[in-house]
Protein backbone atom coordinates (compact mmCIF):
# COMPACT_ATOMS: atom_id res chain seq x y z
CA MET A 1 -100.17 17.82 -78.19
CA ARG A 2 -101.32 14.85 -76.11
CA VAL A 3 -99.07 13.60 -73.34
CA ALA A 4 -99.51 10.45 -71.25
CA ILE A 5 -97.65 10.24 -67.93
CA VAL A 6 -97.17 6.79 -66.40
CA ALA A 7 -97.23 6.21 -62.65
CA PRO A 8 -95.60 2.75 -62.67
CA PRO A 9 -96.55 -0.05 -60.28
CA TYR A 10 -95.29 0.32 -56.73
CA PRO A 11 -95.98 -2.04 -53.80
CA LEU A 12 -99.14 -0.96 -52.01
CA GLU A 13 -97.69 -2.45 -48.83
CA GLU A 14 -95.13 0.39 -48.91
CA ALA A 15 -97.98 2.90 -48.35
CA PRO A 16 -97.55 5.02 -51.47
CA ALA A 17 -99.08 8.48 -51.40
CA PRO A 18 -100.57 9.97 -54.57
CA PRO A 19 -97.36 10.36 -56.63
CA LEU A 20 -96.02 13.85 -56.17
CA GLY A 21 -93.35 13.77 -58.88
CA VAL A 22 -95.83 12.51 -61.46
CA THR A 23 -98.28 15.31 -60.69
CA TYR A 24 -95.56 17.98 -60.89
CA VAL A 25 -94.54 16.62 -64.31
CA ALA A 26 -98.16 16.49 -65.48
CA ALA A 27 -98.68 20.08 -64.32
CA ALA A 28 -95.57 21.20 -66.21
CA PHE A 29 -96.89 19.70 -69.44
CA GLU A 30 -100.37 21.16 -68.88
CA ASN A 31 -98.81 24.54 -68.17
CA ALA A 32 -97.04 24.32 -71.53
CA GLY A 33 -100.33 23.69 -73.34
CA ALA A 34 -100.47 19.89 -73.58
CA GLU A 35 -103.53 17.72 -73.06
CA VAL A 36 -102.39 15.36 -70.33
CA ARG A 37 -103.55 12.08 -68.86
CA ILE A 38 -101.99 10.01 -66.10
CA PHE A 39 -101.94 6.24 -66.55
CA ASP A 40 -101.85 5.28 -62.88
CA TYR A 41 -100.75 1.69 -62.24
CA ILE A 42 -100.04 2.22 -58.55
CA VAL A 43 -103.66 1.91 -57.46
CA SER A 44 -104.88 -0.11 -60.42
CA GLY A 45 -103.64 -3.23 -62.14
CA TYR A 46 -101.16 -3.11 -65.00
CA SER A 47 -101.09 -5.34 -68.04
CA PRO A 48 -99.68 -4.78 -71.54
CA GLU A 49 -103.19 -5.23 -72.90
CA LYS A 50 -104.56 -2.51 -70.64
CA LEU A 51 -101.73 -0.16 -71.62
CA ARG A 52 -102.33 -0.74 -75.33
CA ALA A 53 -106.07 -0.11 -74.90
CA GLN A 54 -105.37 3.19 -73.11
CA LEU A 55 -102.89 4.21 -75.80
CA ASP A 56 -105.40 3.43 -78.55
CA GLU A 57 -108.10 5.44 -76.79
CA PHE A 58 -105.97 8.53 -75.95
CA ARG A 59 -103.46 8.39 -78.86
CA PRO A 60 -100.69 10.37 -77.12
CA ASP A 61 -97.87 12.04 -79.03
CA VAL A 62 -95.60 11.69 -76.00
CA LEU A 63 -95.44 9.15 -73.19
CA GLY A 64 -93.33 9.72 -70.10
CA SER A 65 -92.69 7.80 -66.92
CA THR A 66 -90.92 8.46 -63.67
CA SER A 67 -89.53 5.85 -61.30
CA VAL A 68 -87.34 5.23 -58.34
CA THR A 69 -84.71 2.50 -58.39
CA LEU A 70 -87.05 -0.17 -57.02
CA ASN A 71 -89.62 0.09 -59.80
CA PHE A 72 -87.35 1.24 -62.63
CA PRO A 73 -87.26 -2.16 -64.43
CA GLY A 74 -91.06 -2.33 -64.50
CA ALA A 75 -91.38 1.30 -65.58
CA ALA A 76 -88.82 0.83 -68.37
CA GLU A 77 -90.69 -2.24 -69.64
CA ILE A 78 -93.94 -0.25 -69.72
CA VAL A 79 -92.28 2.50 -71.74
CA SER A 80 -90.76 -0.09 -74.08
CA THR A 81 -94.13 -1.79 -74.59
CA ALA A 82 -95.73 1.57 -75.36
CA LYS A 83 -93.00 2.37 -77.90
CA GLN A 84 -93.51 -0.96 -79.65
CA HIS A 85 -97.24 -0.30 -79.88
CA ARG A 86 -96.88 3.30 -81.12
CA PRO A 87 -93.41 3.58 -82.69
CA ALA A 88 -93.87 7.23 -83.74
CA MET A 89 -94.63 8.30 -80.16
CA ILE A 90 -91.81 10.02 -78.25
CA THR A 91 -90.99 8.16 -75.04
CA MET A 92 -89.33 9.74 -72.00
CA MET A 93 -88.24 8.84 -68.49
CA GLY A 94 -87.25 10.96 -65.51
CA GLY A 95 -86.68 10.64 -61.80
CA PRO A 96 -83.72 9.96 -59.52
CA HIS A 97 -82.75 6.56 -60.89
CA VAL A 98 -82.37 7.47 -64.55
CA SER A 99 -80.87 10.85 -63.66
CA PHE A 100 -77.79 8.97 -62.42
CA THR A 101 -77.89 6.00 -64.84
CA ALA A 102 -78.84 7.86 -68.03
CA GLU A 103 -76.32 6.30 -70.40
CA ARG A 104 -76.73 2.80 -68.99
CA SER A 105 -80.54 3.06 -69.13
CA LEU A 106 -80.62 4.30 -72.74
CA ILE A 107 -78.31 1.48 -73.83
CA ALA A 108 -80.30 -1.19 -71.99
CA TYR A 109 -83.72 0.05 -73.14
CA PRO A 110 -83.82 1.22 -76.77
CA GLY A 111 -87.54 1.92 -76.36
CA ILE A 112 -86.68 4.99 -74.26
CA ASP A 113 -86.05 8.01 -76.52
CA LEU A 114 -85.23 10.67 -73.93
CA ILE A 115 -84.17 10.92 -70.32
CA VAL A 116 -84.82 14.09 -68.30
CA ARG A 117 -82.10 14.47 -65.69
CA GLY A 118 -82.64 16.16 -62.33
CA GLU A 119 -85.34 18.76 -61.69
CA GLY A 120 -87.52 18.40 -64.75
CA GLU A 121 -89.92 21.33 -65.12
CA GLY A 122 -87.47 23.63 -66.93
CA THR A 123 -86.48 20.89 -69.37
CA ILE A 124 -90.14 20.10 -70.06
CA ALA A 125 -90.81 23.77 -70.80
CA GLU A 126 -87.92 23.89 -73.29
CA LEU A 127 -89.01 20.65 -74.98
CA MET A 128 -92.55 21.91 -75.38
CA ALA A 129 -91.37 25.29 -76.66
CA ALA A 130 -89.46 23.37 -79.34
CA GLU A 131 -92.59 21.28 -80.03
CA MET A 132 -90.62 18.14 -79.04
CA ASP A 133 -88.57 18.51 -82.25
CA PRO A 134 -85.73 15.90 -82.17
CA SER A 135 -83.40 18.29 -83.99
CA ALA A 136 -83.62 20.73 -81.05
CA ARG A 137 -82.56 18.28 -78.35
CA GLU A 138 -78.88 19.14 -78.29
CA GLY A 139 -79.72 22.71 -77.32
CA ILE A 140 -82.03 21.73 -74.46
CA ARG A 141 -80.53 21.42 -70.99
CA GLY A 142 -81.06 18.45 -68.71
CA LEU A 143 -81.45 15.80 -71.41
CA ALA A 144 -79.88 12.48 -72.37
CA PHE A 145 -80.68 10.85 -75.72
CA ARG A 146 -79.17 8.93 -78.63
CA ARG A 147 -77.70 10.56 -81.72
CA ASN A 148 -76.19 8.39 -84.47
CA GLY A 149 -75.87 5.48 -82.11
CA GLU A 150 -74.11 7.46 -79.38
CA VAL A 151 -75.56 8.74 -76.11
CA VAL A 152 -75.60 12.53 -75.85
CA ILE A 153 -75.87 14.21 -72.43
CA THR A 154 -76.56 17.95 -72.46
CA ASP A 155 -75.61 20.50 -69.81
CA PRO A 156 -77.53 20.39 -66.52
CA GLN A 157 -80.70 22.44 -66.20
CA PRO A 158 -80.31 25.28 -63.67
CA PHE A 159 -82.48 24.93 -60.60
CA ILE A 160 -85.73 26.90 -60.53
CA GLU A 161 -85.16 29.90 -58.30
CA ASP A 162 -88.77 30.90 -57.64
CA LEU A 163 -90.75 27.76 -56.84
CA ASP A 164 -93.96 29.81 -56.68
CA THR A 165 -93.81 30.05 -60.47
CA LEU A 166 -94.54 26.33 -60.69
CA PRO A 167 -98.17 25.27 -61.17
CA LEU A 168 -99.68 23.24 -58.35
CA PRO A 169 -99.34 19.47 -58.79
CA ALA A 170 -101.99 18.12 -61.17
CA ARG A 171 -103.73 15.84 -58.69
CA HIS A 172 -106.97 16.38 -60.61
CA LEU A 173 -105.55 13.93 -63.18
CA LEU A 174 -105.15 11.14 -60.61
CA PRO A 175 -107.81 8.55 -59.72
CA MET A 176 -108.14 10.18 -56.32
CA SER A 177 -111.03 8.02 -55.11
CA ARG A 178 -108.72 5.01 -55.24
CA TYR A 179 -106.10 6.75 -53.13
CA GLN A 180 -108.80 7.89 -50.72
CA ALA A 181 -109.89 4.26 -50.38
CA LEU A 182 -106.37 3.43 -49.20
CA GLY A 183 -106.55 6.18 -46.60
CA TYR A 184 -102.87 7.19 -46.79
CA SER A 185 -101.62 10.74 -46.32
CA VAL A 186 -101.23 13.04 -49.31
CA SER A 187 -97.68 14.44 -49.52
CA ILE A 188 -96.63 17.99 -50.23
CA ILE A 189 -93.28 19.78 -50.26
CA THR A 190 -92.61 23.28 -49.00
CA SER A 191 -89.07 23.55 -50.36
CA ARG A 192 -86.44 21.96 -52.58
CA GLY A 193 -82.73 21.61 -51.89
CA CYS A 194 -80.68 20.10 -49.07
CA PRO A 195 -77.41 21.43 -47.60
CA TYR A 196 -76.61 18.17 -45.78
CA SER A 197 -74.35 15.47 -47.22
CA CYS A 198 -75.55 12.11 -45.88
CA ILE A 199 -73.71 9.47 -47.90
CA PHE A 200 -76.79 7.27 -48.47
CA CYS A 201 -79.08 9.99 -49.91
CA GLN A 202 -79.65 11.20 -53.50
CA GLY A 203 -81.57 14.33 -52.52
CA ARG A 204 -78.80 16.92 -52.53
CA ARG A 205 -77.69 15.96 -56.04
CA MET A 206 -81.23 15.85 -57.42
CA VAL A 207 -82.45 19.19 -56.08
CA GLY A 208 -79.25 21.04 -55.14
CA ASN A 209 -77.49 21.91 -51.90
CA ARG A 210 -79.16 25.30 -51.51
CA VAL A 211 -82.64 25.39 -50.00
CA ARG A 212 -85.30 27.11 -52.12
CA LEU A 213 -88.51 27.88 -50.25
CA ARG A 214 -92.06 28.09 -51.51
CA SER A 215 -94.09 30.92 -50.00
CA ALA A 216 -96.34 30.00 -47.09
CA SER A 217 -99.40 31.28 -48.95
CA ARG A 218 -98.64 29.05 -51.95
CA VAL A 219 -98.10 26.01 -49.71
CA VAL A 220 -101.38 26.53 -47.90
CA GLU A 221 -103.18 27.18 -51.18
CA GLU A 222 -102.09 23.69 -52.18
CA ILE A 223 -103.26 22.33 -48.82
CA GLU A 224 -106.68 23.87 -49.40
CA GLN A 225 -106.82 22.23 -52.82
CA ILE A 226 -106.04 18.84 -51.26
CA LEU A 227 -108.65 19.30 -48.54
CA SER A 228 -111.24 20.08 -51.23
CA TYR A 229 -111.01 16.43 -52.33
CA GLY A 230 -112.32 15.38 -48.93
CA ILE A 231 -108.85 14.37 -47.76
CA ASP A 232 -108.07 15.23 -44.15
CA ARG A 233 -104.50 13.99 -43.69
CA ILE A 234 -101.35 15.50 -45.23
CA ASN A 235 -97.65 14.72 -44.93
CA VAL A 236 -94.98 17.40 -45.32
CA ALA A 237 -92.35 15.38 -47.15
CA ASP A 238 -89.33 17.68 -47.32
CA ASP A 239 -86.64 16.94 -44.74
CA LEU A 240 -85.94 20.58 -44.02
CA PHE A 241 -89.41 21.91 -43.21
CA VAL A 242 -88.60 22.07 -39.50
CA SER A 243 -85.05 23.26 -40.16
CA HIS A 244 -86.26 26.83 -40.63
CA GLY A 245 -88.11 28.09 -37.55
CA GLY A 246 -89.39 31.11 -39.41
CA ARG A 247 -90.69 28.92 -42.21
CA VAL A 248 -92.68 26.76 -39.76
CA LYS A 249 -94.10 29.90 -38.15
CA GLU A 250 -95.19 31.27 -41.53
CA VAL A 251 -96.86 28.07 -42.74
CA CYS A 252 -98.52 27.23 -39.42
CA GLY A 253 -99.66 30.84 -39.08
CA GLU A 254 -101.21 30.67 -42.54
CA ILE A 255 -102.97 27.40 -41.66
CA LEU A 256 -104.37 28.84 -38.44
CA GLY A 257 -105.22 32.18 -40.05
CA ARG A 258 -107.36 30.46 -42.67
CA GLY A 259 -109.09 28.36 -40.02
CA LEU A 260 -108.06 25.05 -41.60
CA ARG A 261 -108.56 21.94 -39.51
CA PHE A 262 -106.77 18.77 -40.55
CA ASN A 263 -104.16 16.36 -39.24
CA TRP A 264 -100.67 16.30 -40.66
CA SER A 265 -97.25 14.77 -40.18
CA ALA A 266 -93.76 15.87 -41.13
CA PHE A 267 -90.19 14.69 -41.50
CA ALA A 268 -87.57 16.53 -39.48
CA ARG A 269 -83.98 16.47 -38.37
CA VAL A 270 -83.40 16.01 -34.66
CA ASN A 271 -80.95 18.92 -34.54
CA THR A 272 -83.45 21.50 -35.77
CA VAL A 273 -86.55 21.09 -33.57
CA ASP A 274 -87.29 23.12 -30.46
CA ARG A 275 -90.14 23.34 -27.97
CA GLU A 276 -91.69 26.54 -29.35
CA THR A 277 -91.70 25.23 -32.92
CA LEU A 278 -93.24 21.90 -31.92
CA LYS A 279 -95.97 23.62 -29.88
CA LEU A 280 -96.92 25.74 -32.90
CA MET A 281 -96.94 22.69 -35.17
CA LYS A 282 -99.18 20.85 -32.70
CA GLU A 283 -101.57 23.82 -32.57
CA ALA A 284 -101.77 23.81 -36.39
CA GLY A 285 -102.69 20.10 -36.50
CA CYS A 286 -99.38 18.23 -36.61
CA ASP A 287 -99.68 14.96 -34.70
CA SER A 288 -96.53 13.03 -35.66
CA ILE A 289 -92.95 13.63 -36.77
CA SER A 290 -90.52 11.16 -38.36
CA PHE A 291 -86.81 11.49 -37.60
CA GLY A 292 -84.12 9.75 -39.61
CA VAL A 293 -81.60 8.66 -36.98
CA GLU A 294 -79.95 5.82 -38.96
CA THR A 295 -77.64 4.41 -36.25
CA GLY A 296 -77.05 4.48 -32.52
CA ASN A 297 -73.26 4.36 -32.87
CA PRO A 298 -71.56 7.79 -32.63
CA GLU A 299 -68.67 6.88 -34.94
CA MET A 300 -71.05 5.62 -37.63
CA LEU A 301 -73.08 8.81 -37.38
CA LYS A 302 -69.90 10.68 -38.29
CA ARG A 303 -68.98 8.20 -41.03
CA ILE A 304 -72.30 8.61 -42.82
CA ARG A 305 -72.09 12.42 -42.40
CA LYS A 306 -75.44 12.59 -40.67
CA GLY A 307 -74.51 15.68 -38.68
CA ILE A 308 -76.40 14.75 -35.51
CA THR A 309 -75.62 13.32 -32.07
CA ARG A 310 -77.32 10.76 -29.87
CA GLU A 311 -78.05 13.50 -27.33
CA GLN A 312 -79.91 15.52 -29.97
CA VAL A 313 -81.99 12.43 -30.82
CA ARG A 314 -83.01 11.93 -27.19
CA GLU A 315 -83.83 15.60 -26.77
CA ALA A 316 -85.97 15.72 -29.94
CA VAL A 317 -87.96 12.65 -28.89
CA ASP A 318 -88.48 14.06 -25.39
CA LEU A 319 -89.67 17.39 -26.80
CA CYS A 320 -92.22 15.58 -28.95
CA LYS A 321 -93.52 13.77 -25.87
CA GLU A 322 -93.81 17.06 -23.98
CA THR A 323 -95.81 18.70 -26.77
CA GLY A 324 -98.08 15.73 -27.49
CA ILE A 325 -96.62 14.85 -30.89
CA ILE A 326 -95.89 11.22 -31.73
CA ALA A 327 -92.22 10.66 -32.57
CA HIS A 328 -91.14 8.03 -35.11
CA THR A 329 -87.43 7.20 -35.40
CA SER A 330 -86.01 5.21 -38.30
CA PHE A 331 -82.71 3.38 -38.49
CA ILE A 332 -80.65 1.93 -41.37
CA VAL A 333 -78.84 -1.38 -40.95
CA GLY A 334 -75.89 -2.47 -43.08
CA LEU A 335 -74.15 0.90 -43.16
CA PRO A 336 -70.40 1.03 -43.92
CA GLY A 337 -68.41 -0.51 -41.09
CA GLU A 338 -71.46 -2.18 -39.53
CA SER A 339 -70.58 -4.89 -37.03
CA PRO A 340 -72.37 -7.07 -34.48
CA GLU A 341 -71.44 -4.51 -31.85
CA THR A 342 -72.86 -1.52 -33.77
CA LEU A 343 -76.08 -3.40 -34.50
CA LYS A 344 -76.47 -4.20 -30.82
CA GLU A 345 -75.74 -0.59 -29.90
CA THR A 346 -78.34 0.65 -32.39
CA GLY A 347 -80.92 -1.83 -31.12
CA GLU A 348 -80.43 -0.79 -27.49
CA PHE A 349 -80.45 2.90 -28.38
CA ALA A 350 -83.63 2.62 -30.47
CA ALA A 351 -85.47 0.63 -27.80
CA GLY A 352 -84.45 3.09 -25.08
CA LEU A 353 -85.80 6.22 -26.77
CA GLY A 354 -89.44 5.57 -25.97
CA SER A 355 -90.47 6.39 -29.56
CA LEU A 356 -92.04 4.29 -32.25
CA TYR A 357 -89.18 2.98 -34.35
CA GLY A 358 -88.23 0.64 -37.17
CA TYR A 359 -85.42 -0.49 -39.43
CA HIS A 360 -84.59 -0.25 -43.12
CA PHE A 361 -81.78 -1.97 -44.95
CA LEU A 362 -79.17 0.13 -46.70
CA ALA A 363 -80.00 0.51 -50.40
CA PRO A 364 -76.99 2.13 -52.12
CA PHE A 365 -78.90 3.90 -54.88
CA PRO A 366 -77.24 5.30 -58.00
CA GLY A 367 -76.15 8.86 -57.34
CA THR A 368 -75.37 8.33 -53.66
CA THR A 369 -71.91 8.89 -52.24
CA VAL A 370 -71.86 5.45 -50.65
CA ARG A 371 -72.31 3.84 -54.07
CA GLU A 372 -70.07 6.09 -56.13
CA GLU A 373 -67.26 6.01 -53.55
CA VAL A 374 -67.83 2.50 -52.19
CA ASP A 375 -64.10 1.69 -52.37
CA LYS A 376 -63.52 4.22 -49.59
CA TYR A 377 -65.78 2.34 -47.20
CA ASP A 378 -65.97 -1.01 -45.47
CA LEU A 379 -68.82 -2.10 -47.72
CA GLU A 380 -69.50 -4.45 -50.61
CA ILE A 381 -72.57 -4.03 -52.83
CA LEU A 382 -73.83 -7.49 -53.77
CA THR A 383 -76.33 -6.86 -56.58
CA ASP A 384 -77.48 -4.48 -59.28
CA ASP A 385 -80.86 -6.16 -59.46
CA TRP A 386 -82.82 -2.95 -59.00
CA THR A 387 -85.97 -4.79 -57.88
CA ARG A 388 -84.12 -5.67 -54.67
CA TYR A 389 -83.50 -2.01 -53.81
CA ASP A 390 -86.61 -1.86 -51.63
CA ALA A 391 -84.77 -1.50 -48.28
CA ASN A 392 -86.50 -4.68 -47.09
CA SER A 393 -83.54 -7.08 -47.18
CA ALA A 394 -79.76 -6.88 -47.09
CA ILE A 395 -77.99 -6.34 -50.41
CA VAL A 396 -74.60 -5.43 -48.92
CA ARG A 397 -71.98 -6.92 -46.66
CA THR A 398 -69.25 -5.47 -44.47
CA SER A 399 -66.00 -7.06 -43.33
CA ARG A 400 -67.71 -8.18 -40.14
CA LEU A 401 -71.30 -8.85 -41.20
CA THR A 402 -72.83 -11.06 -43.87
CA PRO A 403 -76.19 -10.17 -45.43
CA GLU A 404 -77.67 -13.16 -43.59
CA GLU A 405 -76.55 -11.70 -40.25
CA ILE A 406 -77.96 -8.28 -41.14
CA ASN A 407 -81.26 -9.88 -42.13
CA ARG A 408 -81.33 -11.89 -38.91
CA PHE A 409 -81.01 -8.77 -36.76
CA VAL A 410 -84.11 -7.20 -38.30
CA ALA A 411 -85.98 -10.52 -38.40
CA GLU A 412 -85.51 -10.95 -34.64
CA PHE A 413 -86.93 -7.46 -34.08
CA GLU A 414 -89.86 -8.07 -36.40
CA SER A 415 -90.59 -11.52 -34.95
CA LYS A 416 -91.52 -9.94 -31.63
CA ILE A 417 -93.94 -7.60 -33.39
CA ASP A 418 -95.33 -10.47 -35.46
CA SER A 419 -95.86 -12.67 -32.40
CA ALA A 420 -97.86 -9.93 -30.72
CA TRP A 421 -99.84 -9.42 -33.92
CA GLN A 422 -100.64 -13.12 -34.31
CA GLU A 423 -101.91 -13.16 -30.73
CA MET A 424 -104.20 -10.23 -31.56
CA VAL A 425 -105.52 -12.07 -34.63
CA ARG A 426 -106.08 -15.27 -32.63
CA ALA A 427 -107.97 -13.37 -29.94
CA TYR A 428 -109.99 -11.60 -32.65
CA HIS A 429 -111.26 -14.90 -34.02
CA GLU A 430 -111.91 -16.15 -30.48
CA LYS A 431 -113.69 -12.85 -29.65
CA THR A 432 -111.52 -12.19 -26.59
CA ASN A 433 -109.86 -8.91 -27.68
CA PRO A 434 -110.75 -5.52 -26.22
CA PRO A 435 -112.80 -3.49 -28.75
CA GLY A 436 -109.92 -1.17 -29.63
CA ILE A 437 -107.66 -4.09 -30.56
CA ASP A 438 -110.40 -5.64 -32.69
CA LEU A 439 -110.61 -2.40 -34.65
CA GLN A 440 -106.90 -2.69 -35.48
CA VAL A 441 -107.30 -6.28 -36.67
CA GLU A 442 -110.37 -5.48 -38.73
CA GLY A 443 -108.56 -2.50 -40.24
CA HIS A 444 -105.71 -4.78 -41.32
CA PHE A 445 -108.10 -7.24 -42.96
CA ARG A 446 -109.94 -4.40 -44.67
CA MET A 447 -106.69 -2.95 -46.02
CA LYS A 448 -105.71 -6.33 -47.49
CA LEU A 449 -109.07 -6.42 -49.25
CA VAL A 450 -108.59 -2.87 -50.57
CA TYR A 451 -105.16 -3.86 -51.94
CA ARG A 452 -106.85 -6.61 -53.95
CA LEU A 453 -109.72 -4.43 -55.11
CA LEU A 454 -107.22 -1.92 -56.50
CA SER A 455 -104.30 -3.99 -57.75
CA GLU A 456 -106.50 -6.61 -59.43
CA ASP A 457 -109.11 -4.15 -60.78
CA LEU A 458 -111.80 -6.31 -59.19
CA ILE A 459 -114.63 -3.79 -59.43
CA GLU A 460 -113.92 -3.35 -63.14
CA LYS A 461 -113.74 -7.11 -63.69
CA VAL A 462 -117.03 -8.07 -62.04
CA GLY A 463 -118.91 -4.78 -61.69
CA ALA A 464 -121.14 -5.07 -64.77
CA PHE A 465 -124.26 -7.21 -64.60
CA SER A 466 -127.95 -7.28 -65.46
CA LEU A 467 -130.60 -6.31 -62.92
CA PRO A 468 -134.29 -5.45 -63.39
CA GLU A 469 -134.85 -1.98 -64.83
CA SER A 470 -136.53 -0.98 -61.58
CA ALA A 471 -133.36 -1.66 -59.61
CA ASP A 472 -131.62 1.39 -58.21
CA GLY A 473 -128.07 1.64 -59.51
CA ASN A 474 -126.74 2.39 -56.03
CA GLY A 475 -129.33 0.38 -54.11
CA ASP A 476 -128.86 -2.67 -51.91
CA GLY A 477 -129.62 -5.17 -54.65
CA SER A 478 -126.92 -3.84 -56.95
CA LEU A 479 -124.36 -3.56 -54.14
CA GLU A 480 -125.22 -7.01 -52.83
CA GLU A 481 -124.63 -8.53 -56.26
CA LEU A 482 -121.27 -6.74 -56.53
CA CYS A 483 -120.27 -8.03 -53.10
CA ARG A 484 -121.35 -11.57 -53.97
CA ARG A 485 -119.24 -11.55 -57.11
CA ILE A 486 -116.16 -10.23 -55.31
CA GLU A 487 -116.61 -12.82 -52.56
CA GLU A 488 -116.83 -15.59 -55.16
CA LEU A 489 -113.71 -14.30 -56.90
CA THR A 490 -111.56 -13.75 -53.81
CA GLY A 491 -112.84 -16.03 -51.07
CA VAL A 492 -112.78 -13.08 -48.64
CA GLU A 493 -115.46 -13.01 -45.94
CA GLY A 494 -118.67 -11.53 -47.33
CA ALA A 495 -119.41 -9.35 -44.30
CA LEU A 496 -116.05 -7.60 -44.65
CA ILE A 497 -116.64 -7.01 -48.37
CA ARG A 498 -120.13 -5.58 -47.76
CA GLU A 499 -118.93 -3.28 -44.98
CA THR A 500 -116.00 -2.01 -47.04
CA LEU A 501 -117.92 -1.42 -50.27
CA ARG A 502 -120.85 0.21 -48.49
CA CYS A 503 -118.39 2.61 -46.88
CA PHE A 504 -116.88 3.37 -50.30
CA MET A 505 -120.32 3.92 -51.81
CA ASN A 506 -121.42 6.22 -48.99
CA SER A 507 -118.15 8.18 -49.31
CA GLY A 508 -118.70 8.57 -53.06
CA TYR A 509 -115.61 6.57 -54.08
CA ILE A 510 -117.63 4.06 -56.11
CA LYS A 511 -120.90 4.46 -57.98
CA ALA A 512 -123.11 2.49 -60.35
CA GLU A 513 -124.85 3.64 -63.51
CA ARG A 514 -127.21 1.89 -65.85
CA GLU A 515 -125.91 1.50 -69.39
CA GLY A 516 -128.47 -0.28 -71.55
CA ASP A 517 -129.29 -3.64 -69.99
CA LEU A 518 -126.37 -3.46 -67.57
CA LEU A 519 -125.57 -1.82 -64.27
CA LYS A 520 -121.89 -0.88 -64.13
CA TRP A 521 -119.94 -0.04 -60.98
CA TYR A 522 -116.89 2.19 -61.25
CA TRP A 523 -114.47 4.29 -59.21
CA THR A 524 -115.69 7.87 -59.42
CA HIS A 525 -112.83 10.29 -60.22
CA ASN A 526 -111.31 10.32 -63.71
CA ARG A 527 -113.56 7.77 -65.33
CA HIS A 528 -111.44 7.76 -68.50
CA VAL A 529 -108.67 6.33 -66.33
CA ASP A 530 -110.66 4.24 -63.91
CA ARG A 531 -113.01 2.38 -66.20
CA MET A 532 -111.94 -0.52 -68.33
CA PRO A 533 -113.70 -2.54 -71.03
CA ILE A 534 -115.84 -5.15 -69.27
CA THR A 535 -117.05 -8.42 -70.70
CA PRO A 536 -120.36 -9.29 -69.00
CA GLY A 537 -120.61 -12.84 -67.74
CA SER A 538 -116.84 -13.40 -67.52
CA SER A 539 -116.00 -16.46 -65.45
CA LEU A 540 -115.06 -16.07 -61.81
CA GLN A 541 -112.18 -18.13 -60.45
CA PRO A 542 -112.50 -18.50 -56.66
CA ALA A 543 -109.30 -18.01 -54.70
CA PRO A 544 -108.47 -18.71 -51.06
CA ALA A 545 -108.89 -15.86 -48.64
CA PRO A 546 -105.62 -14.09 -47.89
CA PHE A 547 -106.37 -13.61 -44.21
């Protein structure tokens, strides 16, 4: 059985890591005997034509997609387009959004055949054991589907007790060279389950309120696999990694015992860190920790059931400073009962911590307490346009704050950062910056270029051309021609393009091969995913530089 898993488009500006949920799903299907491919549209462009070409080439029996609320509409449209193109193919969706909107999603999108609710590996195993037979669906736990025009929702799937029985995420199916070009961390989890009850979070309902731990040896085995790709930065994405001192000791001990050297970051709660634990994490390579603080107002901390105090926040940040770990603190604006006074209090508290910090807007996702019990709170949800659930603008109001006022608070904070940034850019062009600042500016410009190379499939579009037979596929002449074509297409400065692509070539992310009369450049890993049909001589439409 052939199974295609879609990683739907997600804003590159939001720094997406290689998708962890997608690779767990792909591994579950592989473990059940399927031939699996991932159609990754996070780090490559999406179009219906591209999707249809990939479907025609692979001919999957099943196509599945995951999504969060933000990119659910786009993911559902991709699944619907695939179903129209191959009507006999079984289409599925999973992830937190559809887990809590199963009936609504099936009604709105008839192209979706099945929804997998909650933790999906057990349901996938049962579906595959039944050979995806539609007549068996009612006996499979964790499903939602249509039967005779009605939506059927089966019993929940029990949580997997021994997480070590799960195969490692199937990152080998991802176009890893593209993610490496972005330079973001690769995420792992060491546990599932959360005993806390924050009203804005879906996690406890998705993975249960009891923590299930992976063994330290299994976690570090996965780390070694990631490092084998040439990746040297990892993020521990579960909130509760630092909540179990013994767990940190086991994992860090395993890292040190195997002599692994890499940098990593983690999420943590401020009420669970201590000096000894942080010192051990630092010794094992941890250089930064992110704390979700959410608000600087004590009453609001209680209202959102965060379970922390302002004193614990200060202490956690100070401990990070003592141990040489960078502390990041994040805050949510627009929480229930938010007022001008609470916003001011949060702003003063955040600025006084001495940590790096930033703000997100409340996004009341399906499945969260704040959404399902909104009538109990001083809060009004203003839209169900899921594309606005990106935590980048206000989509709620309280009795004392309009969305415009909430937006203004964050805009005033960001304007100070933007003013400083614009001064750095001005000084860069005037060549008056210190060298270290220039590196930051150049890195920003380079990242903007990489976004375009990936999201617009630029190397695929212009990377096939004729050169003399004596030309080396990876020589200067071939690379120079590729750079010239990308410069003509984008309007980006040629020197930046040459520097970036030469770095990618030297790192092995891109290569060129001769095919007949043409030299063709391509991203290296997973060529069946990365390479697209190319029409030599296609016209180039210059565009203004984005910088």
